[in-house]
Amino acid sequence: MDAASIQAMIENGLPGAQVNVQGDDGVHFEAEVVAAQFAGKLPLARHRLVYATLGDLMGGAIHALALKTLTPEEVAARR
């Protein structure tokens, strides 16, 4: 598994999301996902949305995925 493939799966599963995935060892990854779909959701619900885009790969080919999930409004407020 590679970061580009994970990024593409998340982008396909969360249309319009801005996704940045990093990870060089093939099993441990970090992702920042900015998506309007996260509005009004707690962090756990946001993470579940991302995990759903990856299906059975979570816990298998993807051993660990550290997530940072934000809405576009949260990103704008930080600037």
Protein backbone atom coordinates (compact mmCIF):
# COMPACT_ATOMS: atom_id res chain seq x y z
CA MET A 1 0.00 0.00 0.00
CA ASP A 2 1.22 3.51 -0.71
CA ALA A 3 0.20 7.02 0.30
CA ALA A 4 -0.99 7.99 -3.20
CA SER A 5 -3.41 5.05 -3.34
CA ILE A 6 -4.84 5.86 0.07
CA GLN A 7 -5.22 9.51 -0.90
CA ALA A 8 -7.11 8.54 -4.06
CA MET A 9 -9.48 6.23 -2.15
CA ILE A 10 -10.30 8.91 0.40
CA GLU A 11 -10.85 11.51 -2.34
CA ASN A 12 -13.15 9.12 -4.21
CA GLY A 13 -15.12 8.31 -1.06
CA LEU A 14 -15.42 11.93 0.11
CA PRO A 15 -16.07 13.98 -3.05
CA GLY A 16 -14.61 17.47 -2.85
CA ALA A 17 -12.31 16.64 0.06
CA GLN A 18 -8.75 17.95 0.14
CA VAL A 19 -6.52 15.08 1.20
CA ASN A 20 -2.82 14.85 2.03
CA VAL A 21 -1.44 11.42 2.98
CA GLN A 22 2.12 10.67 4.06
CA GLY A 23 3.87 7.47 5.02
CA ASP A 24 6.98 5.77 3.73
CA ASP A 25 6.96 2.30 5.30
CA GLY A 26 3.89 0.95 3.50
CA VAL A 27 1.82 0.25 6.64
CA HIS A 28 1.86 3.39 8.82
CA PHE A 29 0.32 6.56 7.41
CA GLU A 30 -0.76 10.06 8.40
CA ALA A 31 -3.58 11.88 6.65
CA GLU A 32 -5.00 15.37 6.81
CA VAL A 33 -8.50 15.46 5.37
CA VAL A 34 -10.47 18.67 4.87
CA ALA A 35 -14.09 17.97 3.95
CA ALA A 36 -17.42 19.76 4.15
CA GLN A 37 -18.95 16.38 5.10
CA PHE A 38 -17.36 16.75 8.56
CA ALA A 39 -19.51 19.76 9.53
CA GLY A 40 -21.38 19.16 12.78
CA LYS A 41 -19.66 15.83 13.42
CA LEU A 42 -17.50 14.86 16.38
CA PRO A 43 -13.95 13.62 15.69
CA LEU A 44 -14.89 9.94 16.03
CA ALA A 45 -17.67 10.29 13.44
CA ARG A 46 -15.27 12.11 11.12
CA HIS A 47 -12.71 9.32 11.44
CA ARG A 48 -15.38 6.71 10.71
CA LEU A 49 -16.24 8.52 7.48
CA VAL A 50 -12.60 8.34 6.41
CA TYR A 51 -12.23 4.69 7.48
CA ALA A 52 -15.35 3.81 5.46
CA THR A 53 -13.59 5.02 2.29
CA LEU A 54 -10.81 2.48 2.91
CA GLY A 55 -12.97 -0.53 3.77
CA ASP A 56 -11.18 -3.76 4.64
CA LEU A 57 -7.75 -2.22 4.10
CA MET A 58 -7.93 -0.72 7.59
CA GLY A 59 -6.29 -3.11 10.02
CA GLY A 60 -4.93 -5.14 7.12
CA ALA A 61 -2.82 -3.54 4.42
CA ILE A 62 -3.06 -0.28 6.36
CA HIS A 63 -1.84 -1.09 9.85
CA ALA A 64 -2.15 2.45 11.23
CA LEU A 65 -3.62 5.70 9.97
CA ALA A 66 -3.25 8.86 12.05
CA LEU A 67 -5.96 11.32 11.06
CA LYS A 68 -6.41 15.06 11.24
CA THR A 69 -9.93 15.90 10.08
CA LEU A 70 -11.12 19.46 9.53
CA THR A 71 -13.93 21.31 7.80
CA PRO A 72 -13.06 24.05 5.28
CA GLU A 73 -14.37 26.58 7.82
CA GLU A 74 -12.02 25.27 10.51
CA VAL A 75 -9.08 25.60 8.14
CA ALA A 76 -10.10 29.17 7.24
CA ALA A 77 -10.41 30.11 10.91
CA ARG A 78 -6.82 28.99 11.54
CA ARG A 79 -5.43 31.36 8.94
